């Protein structure tokens, strides 16, 4: 029995030593590229959201709700990447097609919704 266990240990050690530290499922270059892409996407999403929040019309809507759009833009960095991406996509859609056949009241509601969503997410992220 001892010989069997010893044989198994030797086979395992011999097999494990043949593996090299650089042999992974994902290469170091691919992992670095993925991290770089995620950081670039986050930076772009932050810029998109900040530019939307600092738009004069959005700032005015935020003031009417009792929020400072500049402060919201500054606090956007505490959002998770997923939350930030979602809000950036929404704000980009609003920028590209502001009217979309809607009257100004509906557009104002969309802006208010965006501001409220940002406030809620920032408050959750801070807690």
N, C-alpha and C. Protein backbone atom coordinates (compact mmCIF):
# COMPACT_ATOMS: atom_id res chain seq x y z
N UNK A 1 0.82 -1.19 0.00
CA UNK A 1 0.00 0.00 0.00
C UNK A 1 0.86 1.25 0.00
N UNK A 2 1.94 1.23 0.79
CA UNK A 2 2.84 2.37 0.86
C UNK A 2 3.49 2.62 -0.49
N UNK A 3 3.86 1.53 -1.16
CA UNK A 3 4.50 1.67 -2.47
C UNK A 3 3.54 2.29 -3.48
N UNK A 4 2.29 1.93 -3.40
CA UNK A 4 1.28 2.47 -4.31
C UNK A 4 1.09 3.97 -4.08
N UNK A 5 0.99 4.37 -2.81
CA UNK A 5 0.83 5.78 -2.49
C UNK A 5 2.07 6.56 -2.88
N UNK A 6 3.25 6.00 -2.60
CA UNK A 6 4.50 6.65 -2.96
C UNK A 6 4.62 6.80 -4.47
N UNK A 7 4.21 5.79 -5.19
CA UNK A 7 4.24 5.85 -6.66
C UNK A 7 3.31 6.96 -7.18
N UNK A 8 2.13 7.05 -6.61
CA UNK A 8 1.19 8.08 -7.03
C UNK A 8 1.74 9.48 -6.73
N UNK A 9 2.37 9.65 -5.57
CA UNK A 9 2.95 10.95 -5.21
C UNK A 9 4.07 11.31 -6.18
N UNK A 10 4.92 10.33 -6.51
CA UNK A 10 6.03 10.60 -7.44
C UNK A 10 5.51 10.96 -8.83
N UNK A 11 4.47 10.28 -9.29
CA UNK A 11 3.89 10.59 -10.60
C UNK A 11 3.29 12.00 -10.58
N UNK A 12 2.62 12.34 -9.50
CA UNK A 12 2.02 13.67 -9.39
C UNK A 12 3.10 14.76 -9.37
N UNK A 13 4.16 14.54 -8.58
CA UNK A 13 5.24 15.53 -8.49
C UNK A 13 5.95 15.67 -9.83
N UNK A 14 6.20 14.57 -10.50
CA UNK A 14 6.86 14.63 -11.80
C UNK A 14 5.99 15.35 -12.82
N UNK A 15 4.70 15.10 -12.80
CA UNK A 15 3.78 15.78 -13.73
C UNK A 15 3.65 17.25 -13.41
N UNK A 16 3.60 17.59 -12.14
CA UNK A 16 3.45 18.99 -11.75
C UNK A 16 4.69 19.79 -12.07
N UNK A 17 5.87 19.18 -11.96
CA UNK A 17 7.09 19.92 -12.24
C UNK A 17 7.26 20.21 -13.72
N UNK A 18 6.57 19.44 -14.56
CA UNK A 18 6.69 19.70 -16.00
C UNK A 18 5.86 20.91 -16.43
N UNK A 19 4.91 21.31 -15.61
CA UNK A 19 4.14 22.51 -15.91
C UNK A 19 4.98 23.74 -15.60
N UNK A 20 4.89 24.73 -16.44
CA UNK A 20 5.63 25.95 -16.21
C UNK A 20 4.68 27.02 -15.72
N UNK A 21 5.24 27.98 -15.01
CA UNK A 21 4.42 29.03 -14.43
C UNK A 21 3.74 29.87 -15.49
N UNK A 22 4.27 29.99 -16.66
CA UNK A 22 3.70 30.81 -17.71
C UNK A 22 2.56 30.16 -18.45
N UNK A 23 2.27 28.90 -18.19
CA UNK A 23 1.21 28.20 -18.90
C UNK A 23 -0.12 28.42 -18.18
N UNK A 24 -0.90 29.34 -18.70
CA UNK A 24 -2.21 29.64 -18.13
C UNK A 24 -3.25 29.54 -19.24
N UNK A 25 -4.49 29.58 -18.85
CA UNK A 25 -5.55 29.55 -19.84
C UNK A 25 -5.60 30.83 -20.66
N UNK A 26 -5.25 31.95 -20.02
CA UNK A 26 -5.23 33.24 -20.70
C UNK A 26 -3.81 33.79 -20.62
N UNK A 27 -3.31 34.24 -21.73
CA UNK A 27 -1.94 34.77 -21.72
C UNK A 27 -1.89 36.09 -20.97
N UNK A 28 -0.70 36.43 -20.54
CA UNK A 28 -0.49 37.70 -19.82
C UNK A 28 -0.85 38.88 -20.72
N UNK A 29 -0.50 38.80 -21.99
CA UNK A 29 -0.79 39.89 -22.93
C UNK A 29 -2.31 40.05 -23.11
N UNK A 30 -3.02 38.94 -23.23
CA UNK A 30 -4.47 39.01 -23.40
C UNK A 30 -5.14 39.59 -22.15
N UNK A 31 -4.67 39.19 -20.97
CA UNK A 31 -5.23 39.71 -19.73
C UNK A 31 -4.95 41.21 -19.60
N UNK A 32 -3.74 41.62 -19.95
CA UNK A 32 -3.39 43.05 -19.90
C UNK A 32 -4.23 43.86 -20.88
N UNK A 33 -4.43 43.31 -22.07
CA UNK A 33 -5.25 44.00 -23.07
C UNK A 33 -6.69 44.14 -22.59
N UNK A 34 -7.21 43.09 -21.97
CA UNK A 34 -8.59 43.13 -21.47
C UNK A 34 -8.75 44.18 -20.37
N UNK A 35 -7.77 44.25 -19.47
CA UNK A 35 -7.80 45.25 -18.40
C UNK A 35 -7.68 46.67 -18.98
N UNK A 36 -6.82 46.82 -19.97
CA UNK A 36 -6.63 48.13 -20.60
C UNK A 36 -7.93 48.58 -21.29
N UNK A 37 -8.58 47.64 -21.99
CA UNK A 37 -9.84 47.95 -22.68
C UNK A 37 -10.92 48.33 -21.68
N UNK A 38 -10.99 47.62 -20.57
CA UNK A 38 -12.00 47.94 -19.54
C UNK A 38 -11.75 49.32 -18.95
N UNK A 39 -10.49 49.66 -18.71
CA UNK A 39 -10.17 50.98 -18.16
C UNK A 39 -10.51 52.08 -19.16
N UNK A 40 -10.21 51.84 -20.43
CA UNK A 40 -10.54 52.83 -21.47
C UNK A 40 -12.05 53.01 -21.60
N UNK A 41 -12.80 51.91 -21.53
CA UNK A 41 -14.26 51.99 -21.62
C UNK A 41 -14.82 52.76 -20.44
N UNK A 42 -14.30 52.51 -19.25
CA UNK A 42 -14.76 53.21 -18.05
C UNK A 42 -14.48 54.71 -18.17
N UNK A 43 -13.29 55.06 -18.65
CA UNK A 43 -12.93 56.47 -18.83
C UNK A 43 -13.87 57.14 -19.83
N UNK A 44 -14.16 56.46 -20.93
CA UNK A 44 -15.07 57.01 -21.95
C UNK A 44 -16.48 57.16 -21.38
N UNK A 45 -16.94 56.17 -20.62
CA UNK A 45 -18.27 56.24 -20.02
C UNK A 45 -18.38 57.39 -19.02
N UNK A 46 -17.33 57.59 -18.22
CA UNK A 46 -17.32 58.71 -17.28
C UNK A 46 -17.39 60.04 -18.03
N UNK A 47 -16.63 60.16 -19.10
CA UNK A 47 -16.63 61.40 -19.88
C UNK A 47 -18.01 61.65 -20.49
N UNK A 48 -18.63 60.61 -21.01
CA UNK A 48 -19.98 60.75 -21.60
C UNK A 48 -20.99 61.20 -20.55
N UNK A 49 -20.97 60.55 -19.40
CA UNK A 49 -21.92 60.89 -18.35
C UNK A 49 -21.68 62.30 -17.82
N UNK A 50 -20.43 62.65 -17.63
CA UNK A 50 -20.12 64.00 -17.14
C UNK A 50 -20.54 65.07 -18.13
N UNK A 51 -20.30 64.83 -19.42
CA UNK A 51 -20.69 65.84 -20.41
C UNK A 51 -22.21 66.00 -20.44
N UNK A 52 -22.93 64.92 -20.25
CA UNK A 52 -24.40 65.00 -20.21
C UNK A 52 -24.85 65.77 -18.98
N UNK A 53 -24.27 65.45 -17.83
CA UNK A 53 -24.68 66.12 -16.60
C UNK A 53 -24.33 67.60 -16.60
N UNK A 54 -23.29 67.97 -17.29
CA UNK A 54 -22.88 69.37 -17.30
C UNK A 54 -23.54 70.17 -18.43
N UNK A 55 -24.39 69.52 -19.22
CA UNK A 55 -25.17 70.22 -20.24
C UNK A 55 -26.07 71.23 -19.52
N UNK A 56 -26.20 72.45 -20.05
CA UNK A 56 -27.00 73.47 -19.36
C UNK A 56 -28.45 73.05 -19.09
N UNK A 57 -29.06 72.37 -20.03
CA UNK A 57 -30.45 71.94 -19.84
C UNK A 57 -30.56 70.90 -18.73
N UNK A 58 -29.61 69.98 -18.69
CA UNK A 58 -29.60 68.95 -17.64
C UNK A 58 -29.29 69.59 -16.29
N UNK A 59 -28.34 70.52 -16.27
CA UNK A 59 -28.01 71.21 -15.02
C UNK A 59 -29.22 71.95 -14.46
N UNK A 60 -29.98 72.58 -15.35
CA UNK A 60 -31.18 73.30 -14.91
C UNK A 60 -32.22 72.34 -14.35
N UNK A 61 -32.38 71.20 -15.01
CA UNK A 61 -33.34 70.20 -14.51
C UNK A 61 -32.89 69.66 -13.16
N UNK A 62 -31.60 69.45 -12.99
CA UNK A 62 -31.08 68.97 -11.71
C UNK A 62 -31.32 70.00 -10.61
N UNK A 63 -31.10 71.27 -10.93
CA UNK A 63 -31.35 72.33 -9.93
C UNK A 63 -32.81 72.36 -9.51
N UNK A 64 -33.71 72.17 -10.46
CA UNK A 64 -35.14 72.15 -10.13
C UNK A 64 -35.47 70.99 -9.17
N UNK A 65 -34.70 69.91 -9.28
CA UNK A 65 -34.91 68.77 -8.39
C UNK A 65 -34.14 68.91 -7.08
N UNK A 66 -33.33 69.95 -6.96
CA UNK A 66 -32.57 70.17 -5.74
C UNK A 66 -31.20 69.52 -5.73
N UNK A 67 -30.68 69.16 -6.90
CA UNK A 67 -29.36 68.53 -6.99
C UNK A 67 -28.40 69.42 -7.77
N UNK A 68 -27.14 69.29 -7.46
CA UNK A 68 -26.09 70.00 -8.18
C UNK A 68 -25.51 69.04 -9.21
N UNK A 69 -25.71 69.34 -10.49
CA UNK A 69 -25.24 68.44 -11.56
C UNK A 69 -23.72 68.30 -11.54
N UNK A 70 -23.02 69.35 -11.20
CA UNK A 70 -21.56 69.28 -11.11
C UNK A 70 -21.11 68.30 -10.03
N UNK A 71 -21.80 68.32 -8.92
CA UNK A 71 -21.47 67.37 -7.83
C UNK A 71 -21.79 65.94 -8.24
N UNK A 72 -22.93 65.76 -8.93
CA UNK A 72 -23.28 64.43 -9.43
C UNK A 72 -22.23 63.93 -10.41
N UNK A 73 -21.78 64.81 -11.29
CA UNK A 73 -20.76 64.42 -12.27
C UNK A 73 -19.47 64.03 -11.56
N UNK A 74 -19.13 64.75 -10.51
CA UNK A 74 -17.92 64.43 -9.75
C UNK A 74 -18.03 63.12 -9.00
N UNK A 75 -19.23 62.79 -8.57
CA UNK A 75 -19.45 61.55 -7.81
C UNK A 75 -19.70 60.34 -8.70
N UNK A 76 -19.77 60.53 -9.99
CA UNK A 76 -20.05 59.41 -10.90
C UNK A 76 -18.96 58.34 -10.85
N UNK A 77 -17.77 58.72 -10.42
CA UNK A 77 -16.66 57.76 -10.38
C UNK A 77 -16.88 56.64 -9.37
N UNK A 78 -17.79 56.81 -8.42
CA UNK A 78 -18.02 55.76 -7.42
C UNK A 78 -18.94 54.66 -7.95
N UNK A 79 -19.53 54.87 -9.11
CA UNK A 79 -20.42 53.86 -9.68
C UNK A 79 -19.61 52.67 -10.17
N UNK A 80 -20.25 51.51 -10.17
CA UNK A 80 -19.59 50.33 -10.73
C UNK A 80 -19.49 50.50 -12.24
N UNK A 81 -18.65 49.73 -12.87
CA UNK A 81 -18.48 49.83 -14.32
C UNK A 81 -19.78 49.52 -15.05
N UNK A 82 -20.56 48.56 -14.55
CA UNK A 82 -21.83 48.21 -15.18
C UNK A 82 -22.84 49.34 -15.07
N UNK A 83 -22.93 49.92 -13.87
CA UNK A 83 -23.86 51.04 -13.68
C UNK A 83 -23.46 52.23 -14.54
N UNK A 84 -22.17 52.50 -14.56
CA UNK A 84 -21.65 53.60 -15.34
C UNK A 84 -21.91 53.40 -16.83
N UNK A 85 -21.72 52.17 -17.30
CA UNK A 85 -21.95 51.86 -18.71
C UNK A 85 -23.42 52.06 -19.06
N UNK A 86 -24.31 51.58 -18.20
CA UNK A 86 -25.74 51.71 -18.45
C UNK A 86 -26.15 53.17 -18.55
N UNK A 87 -25.70 53.99 -17.62
CA UNK A 87 -26.06 55.41 -17.64
C UNK A 87 -25.42 56.14 -18.81
N UNK A 88 -24.21 55.76 -19.18
CA UNK A 88 -23.55 56.39 -20.33
C UNK A 88 -24.30 56.07 -21.61
N UNK A 89 -24.76 54.84 -21.75
CA UNK A 89 -25.53 54.46 -22.94
C UNK A 89 -26.84 55.25 -22.99
N UNK A 90 -27.50 55.38 -21.85
CA UNK A 90 -28.75 56.14 -21.81
C UNK A 90 -28.52 57.62 -22.15
N UNK A 91 -27.47 58.19 -21.59
CA UNK A 91 -27.22 59.60 -21.85
C UNK A 91 -26.79 59.82 -23.29
N UNK A 92 -26.07 58.87 -23.87
CA UNK A 92 -25.67 58.98 -25.28
C UNK A 92 -26.89 58.90 -26.19
N UNK A 93 -27.82 58.02 -25.87
CA UNK A 93 -29.06 57.94 -26.65
C UNK A 93 -29.84 59.24 -26.58
N UNK A 94 -29.88 59.82 -25.40
CA UNK A 94 -30.57 61.09 -25.22
C UNK A 94 -29.89 62.20 -26.03
N UNK A 95 -28.56 62.17 -26.07
CA UNK A 95 -27.81 63.18 -26.82
C UNK A 95 -28.01 63.02 -28.32
N UNK A 96 -27.98 61.78 -28.81
CA UNK A 96 -28.09 61.53 -30.24
C UNK A 96 -29.48 61.80 -30.79
N UNK A 97 -30.48 61.51 -29.99
CA UNK A 97 -31.86 61.69 -30.46
C UNK A 97 -32.68 62.34 -29.36
N UNK A 98 -32.42 63.62 -29.08
CA UNK A 98 -33.06 64.25 -27.93
C UNK A 98 -34.57 64.33 -28.00
N UNK A 99 -35.08 64.58 -29.19
CA UNK A 99 -36.53 64.71 -29.29
C UNK A 99 -37.18 63.37 -29.54
N UNK A 100 -36.68 62.64 -30.51
CA UNK A 100 -37.21 61.31 -30.86
C UNK A 100 -38.72 61.35 -31.01
N UNK A 101 -39.19 62.46 -31.55
CA UNK A 101 -40.63 62.59 -31.76
C UNK A 101 -41.39 62.91 -30.49
N UNK A 102 -40.68 63.19 -29.43
CA UNK A 102 -41.34 63.48 -28.16
C UNK A 102 -41.38 64.99 -27.93
N UNK A 103 -42.35 65.44 -27.18
CA UNK A 103 -42.40 66.85 -26.87
C UNK A 103 -41.41 67.18 -25.75
N UNK A 104 -41.25 68.44 -25.46
CA UNK A 104 -40.24 68.86 -24.49
C UNK A 104 -40.55 68.36 -23.08
N UNK A 105 -41.83 68.18 -22.75
CA UNK A 105 -42.17 67.67 -21.41
C UNK A 105 -41.66 66.25 -21.20
N UNK A 106 -41.80 65.42 -22.23
CA UNK A 106 -41.32 64.04 -22.12
C UNK A 106 -39.80 64.03 -22.06
N UNK A 107 -39.17 64.91 -22.83
CA UNK A 107 -37.70 65.00 -22.79
C UNK A 107 -37.24 65.41 -21.40
N UNK A 108 -37.94 66.37 -20.80
CA UNK A 108 -37.61 66.79 -19.44
C UNK A 108 -37.75 65.62 -18.46
N UNK A 109 -38.79 64.83 -18.65
CA UNK A 109 -38.98 63.65 -17.78
C UNK A 109 -37.84 62.66 -17.95
N UNK A 110 -37.38 62.48 -19.17
CA UNK A 110 -36.25 61.59 -19.41
C UNK A 110 -34.99 62.10 -18.72
N UNK A 111 -34.77 63.40 -18.80
CA UNK A 111 -33.61 63.99 -18.12
C UNK A 111 -33.74 63.82 -16.62
N UNK A 112 -34.92 64.07 -16.09
CA UNK A 112 -35.15 63.90 -14.65
C UNK A 112 -34.91 62.45 -14.25
N UNK A 113 -35.39 61.51 -15.06
CA UNK A 113 -35.18 60.10 -14.77
C UNK A 113 -33.69 59.78 -14.73
N UNK A 114 -32.93 60.30 -15.68
CA UNK A 114 -31.49 60.07 -15.71
C UNK A 114 -30.83 60.61 -14.45
N UNK A 115 -31.22 61.80 -14.04
CA UNK A 115 -30.64 62.40 -12.83
C UNK A 115 -31.00 61.59 -11.60
N UNK A 116 -32.25 61.20 -11.48
CA UNK A 116 -32.68 60.40 -10.32
C UNK A 116 -31.95 59.06 -10.29
N UNK A 117 -31.79 58.44 -11.45
CA UNK A 117 -31.07 57.16 -11.50
C UNK A 117 -29.64 57.33 -11.04
N UNK A 118 -29.00 58.41 -11.46
CA UNK A 118 -27.62 58.66 -11.04
C UNK A 118 -27.55 58.89 -9.53
N UNK A 119 -28.47 59.68 -9.01
CA UNK A 119 -28.48 59.94 -7.57
C UNK A 119 -28.66 58.65 -6.78
N UNK A 120 -29.59 57.83 -7.19
CA UNK A 120 -29.84 56.57 -6.49
C UNK A 120 -28.61 55.68 -6.53
N UNK A 121 -28.00 55.55 -7.71
CA UNK A 121 -26.83 54.68 -7.82
C UNK A 121 -25.65 55.21 -7.03
N UNK A 122 -25.45 56.53 -7.03
CA UNK A 122 -24.34 57.10 -6.25
C UNK A 122 -24.59 56.87 -4.77
N UNK A 123 -25.81 57.08 -4.31
CA UNK A 123 -26.11 56.85 -2.89
C UNK A 123 -25.90 55.40 -2.49
N UNK A 124 -26.28 54.47 -3.37
CA UNK A 124 -26.06 53.05 -3.07
C UNK A 124 -24.58 52.71 -3.07
N UNK A 125 -23.82 53.31 -3.98
CA UNK A 125 -22.40 53.02 -4.06
C UNK A 125 -21.64 53.58 -2.85
N UNK A 126 -22.09 54.71 -2.35
CA UNK A 126 -21.43 55.33 -1.20
C UNK A 126 -21.69 54.55 0.07
N UNK A 127 -22.90 53.99 0.20
CA UNK A 127 -23.24 53.22 1.40
C UNK A 127 -22.45 52.00 1.40
